C-alpha cells in the first residue's frame, strides 16, 4: 500500500467515523422529538379529559334544564328557580 493510499484510507475512516457520530446524534434527536410529541399529545388529551371531568356537573344540569323545559314549557317559574339555585 502506497503512502497516498494509506493517507486516503485514514481520511476515509475519519469521515466515516464523523458521519457515524452525526447520524447517532440525529437518531437521538429524533427519538427525543418523538417522545416529546407523545408527551405533548398526552397533555392535550389529559387537559380535555380533566376539563370535562370538572365541567360535567354543569353540562348535566344544563341538559336536565333543557329536558325540563322541553317537557313542560308552561312551567317557566320552576326553570327560573332552577337557574337561580345554580
C-alpha atoms as a PDB file:
ATOM      1  CA  UNK A   1       0.000   0.000   0.000  1.00  0.00           C
ATOM      2  CA  UNK A   2       1.460   3.348  -1.003  1.00  0.00           C
ATOM      3  CA  UNK A   3       1.609   6.282   1.438  1.00  0.00           C
ATOM      4  CA  UNK A   4      -1.016   8.180  -0.610  1.00  0.00           C
ATOM      5  CA  UNK A   5      -3.411   5.261  -0.424  1.00  0.00           C
ATOM      6  CA  UNK A   6      -2.807   4.900   3.306  1.00  0.00           C
ATOM      7  CA  UNK A   7      -3.499   8.634   3.847  1.00  0.00           C
ATOM      8  CA  UNK A   8      -6.666   8.398   1.730  1.00  0.00           C
ATOM      9  CA  UNK A   9      -7.801   5.385   3.761  1.00  0.00           C
ATOM     10  CA  UNK A  10      -7.200   7.262   7.034  1.00  0.00           C
ATOM     11  CA  UNK A  11      -9.179  10.274   5.806  1.00  0.00           C
ATOM     12  CA  UNK A  12     -11.995   7.997   4.654  1.00  0.00           C
ATOM     13  CA  UNK A  13     -12.057   6.329   8.080  1.00  0.00           C
ATOM     14  CA  UNK A  14     -12.107   9.725   9.775  1.00  0.00           C
ATOM     15  CA  UNK A  15     -15.002  10.928   7.622  1.00  0.00           C
ATOM     16  CA  UNK A  16     -16.904   7.677   8.190  1.00  0.00           C
ATOM     17  CA  UNK A  17     -16.496   7.983  11.983  1.00  0.00           C
ATOM     18  CA  UNK A  18     -17.638  11.600  11.887  1.00  0.00           C
ATOM     19  CA  UNK A  19     -20.694  10.632   9.795  1.00  0.00           C
ATOM     20  CA  UNK A  20     -21.492   7.825  12.219  1.00  0.00           C
ATOM     21  CA  UNK A  21     -21.346  10.252  15.144  1.00  0.00           C
ATOM     22  CA  UNK A  22     -23.604  12.740  13.368  1.00  0.00           C
ATOM     23  CA  UNK A  23     -26.095  10.029  12.422  1.00  0.00           C
ATOM     24  CA  UNK A  24     -26.262   8.843  16.031  1.00  0.00           C
ATOM     25  CA  UNK A  25     -26.932  12.409  17.186  1.00  0.00           C
ATOM     26  CA  UNK A  26     -29.692  12.776  14.594  1.00  0.00           C
ATOM     27  CA  UNK A  27     -31.233   9.483  15.683  1.00  0.00           C
ATOM     28  CA  UNK A  28     -31.100  10.528  19.360  1.00  0.00           C
ATOM     29  CA  UNK A  29     -32.697  13.846  18.472  1.00  0.00           C
ATOM     30  CA  UNK A  30     -35.483  12.124  16.538  1.00  0.00           C
ATOM     31  CA  UNK A  31     -36.215   9.801  19.468  1.00  0.00           C
ATOM     32  CA  UNK A  32     -36.373  12.731  21.861  1.00  0.00           C
ATOM     33  CA  UNK A  33     -38.655  14.643  19.486  1.00  0.00           C
ATOM     34  CA  UNK A  34     -40.958  11.629  19.172  1.00  0.00           C
ATOM     35  CA  UNK A  35     -41.103  11.271  22.975  1.00  0.00           C
ATOM     36  CA  UNK A  36     -41.807  14.990  23.458  1.00  0.00           C
ATOM     37  CA  UNK A  37     -44.580  14.842  20.842  1.00  0.00           C
ATOM     38  CA  UNK A  38     -46.120  11.916  22.690  1.00  0.00           C
ATOM     39  CA  UNK A  39     -45.986  13.858  25.963  1.00  0.00           C
ATOM     40  CA  UNK A  40     -47.490  16.883  24.238  1.00  0.00           C
ATOM     41  CA  UNK A  41     -50.492  14.934  22.958  1.00  0.00           C
ATOM     42  CA  UNK A  42     -50.938  13.148  26.284  1.00  0.00           C
ATOM     43  CA  UNK A  43     -51.029  16.549  27.980  1.00  0.00           C
ATOM     44  CA  UNK A  44     -53.573  17.905  25.479  1.00  0.00           C
ATOM     45  CA  UNK A  45     -55.861  14.874  25.765  1.00  0.00           C
ATOM     46  CA  UNK A  46     -55.469  14.819  29.556  1.00  0.00           C
ATOM     47  CA  UNK A  47     -56.365  18.505  29.764  1.00  0.00           C
ATOM     48  CA  UNK A  48     -59.548  17.900  27.766  1.00  0.00           C
ATOM     49  CA  UNK A  49     -60.457  14.891  29.912  1.00  0.00           C
ATOM     50  CA  UNK A  50     -59.803  16.861  33.099  1.00  0.00           C
ATOM     51  CA  UNK A  51     -61.811  19.830  31.873  1.00  0.00           C
ATOM     52  CA  UNK A  52     -64.708  17.536  31.006  1.00  0.00           C
ATOM     53  CA  UNK A  53     -64.496  15.930  34.451  1.00  0.00           C
ATOM     54  CA  UNK A  54     -64.806  19.325  36.166  1.00  0.00           C
ATOM     55  CA  UNK A  55     -67.420  20.737  33.765  1.00  0.00           C
ATOM     56  CA  UNK A  56     -69.566  17.580  33.623  1.00  0.00           C
ATOM     57  CA  UNK A  57     -71.915  18.583  36.514  1.00  0.00           C
ATOM     58  CA  UNK A  58     -72.676  21.882  34.796  1.00  0.00           C
ATOM     59  CA  UNK A  59     -73.309  20.135  31.490  1.00  0.00           C
ATOM     60  CA  UNK A  60     -75.626  17.632  33.162  1.00  0.00           C
ATOM     61  CA  UNK A  61     -77.573  20.376  34.964  1.00  0.00           C
ATOM     62  CA  UNK A  62     -77.918  22.341  31.725  1.00  0.00           C
ATOM     63  CA  UNK A  63     -79.095  19.189  29.948  1.00  0.00           C
ATOM     64  CA  UNK A  64     -81.651  18.444  32.674  1.00  0.00           C
ATOM     65  CA  UNK A  65     -82.814  22.065  32.469  1.00  0.00           C
ATOM     66  CA  UNK A  66     -83.244  21.661  28.728  1.00  0.00           C
ATOM     67  CA  UNK A  67     -85.168  18.403  29.196  1.00  0.00           C
ATOM     68  CA  UNK A  68     -87.383  20.030  31.795  1.00  0.00           C
ATOM     69  CA  UNK A  69     -88.076  22.984  29.532  1.00  0.00           C
ATOM     70  CA  UNK A  70     -88.880  20.648  26.685  1.00  0.00           C
ATOM     71  CA  UNK A  71     -91.288  18.552  28.706  1.00  0.00           C
ATOM     72  CA  UNK A  72     -93.161  21.387  30.366  1.00  0.00           C
ATOM     73  CA  UNK A  73     -92.774  24.687  28.544  1.00  0.00           C
ATOM     74  CA  UNK A  74     -95.610  26.240  30.532  1.00  0.00           C
ATOM     75  CA  UNK A  75     -93.836  25.815  33.856  1.00  0.00           C
ATOM     76  CA  UNK A  76     -91.416  28.750  33.499  1.00  0.00           C
ATOM     77  CA  UNK A  77     -91.216  29.554  37.228  1.00  0.00           C
ATOM     78  CA  UNK A  78     -89.583  26.191  38.016  1.00  0.00           C
ATOM     79  CA  UNK A  79     -86.983  26.787  35.329  1.00  0.00           C
ATOM     80  CA  UNK A  80     -86.175  30.251  36.684  1.00  0.00           C
ATOM     81  CA  UNK A  81     -85.849  28.846  40.224  1.00  0.00           C
ATOM     82  CA  UNK A  82     -83.569  26.107  38.970  1.00  0.00           C
ATOM     83  CA  UNK A  83     -81.335  28.678  37.253  1.00  0.00           C
ATOM     84  CA  UNK A  84     -81.203  30.823  40.382  1.00  0.00           C
ATOM     85  CA  UNK A  85     -80.135  27.824  42.504  1.00  0.00           C
ATOM     86  CA  UNK A  86     -77.094  27.162  40.337  1.00  0.00           C
END
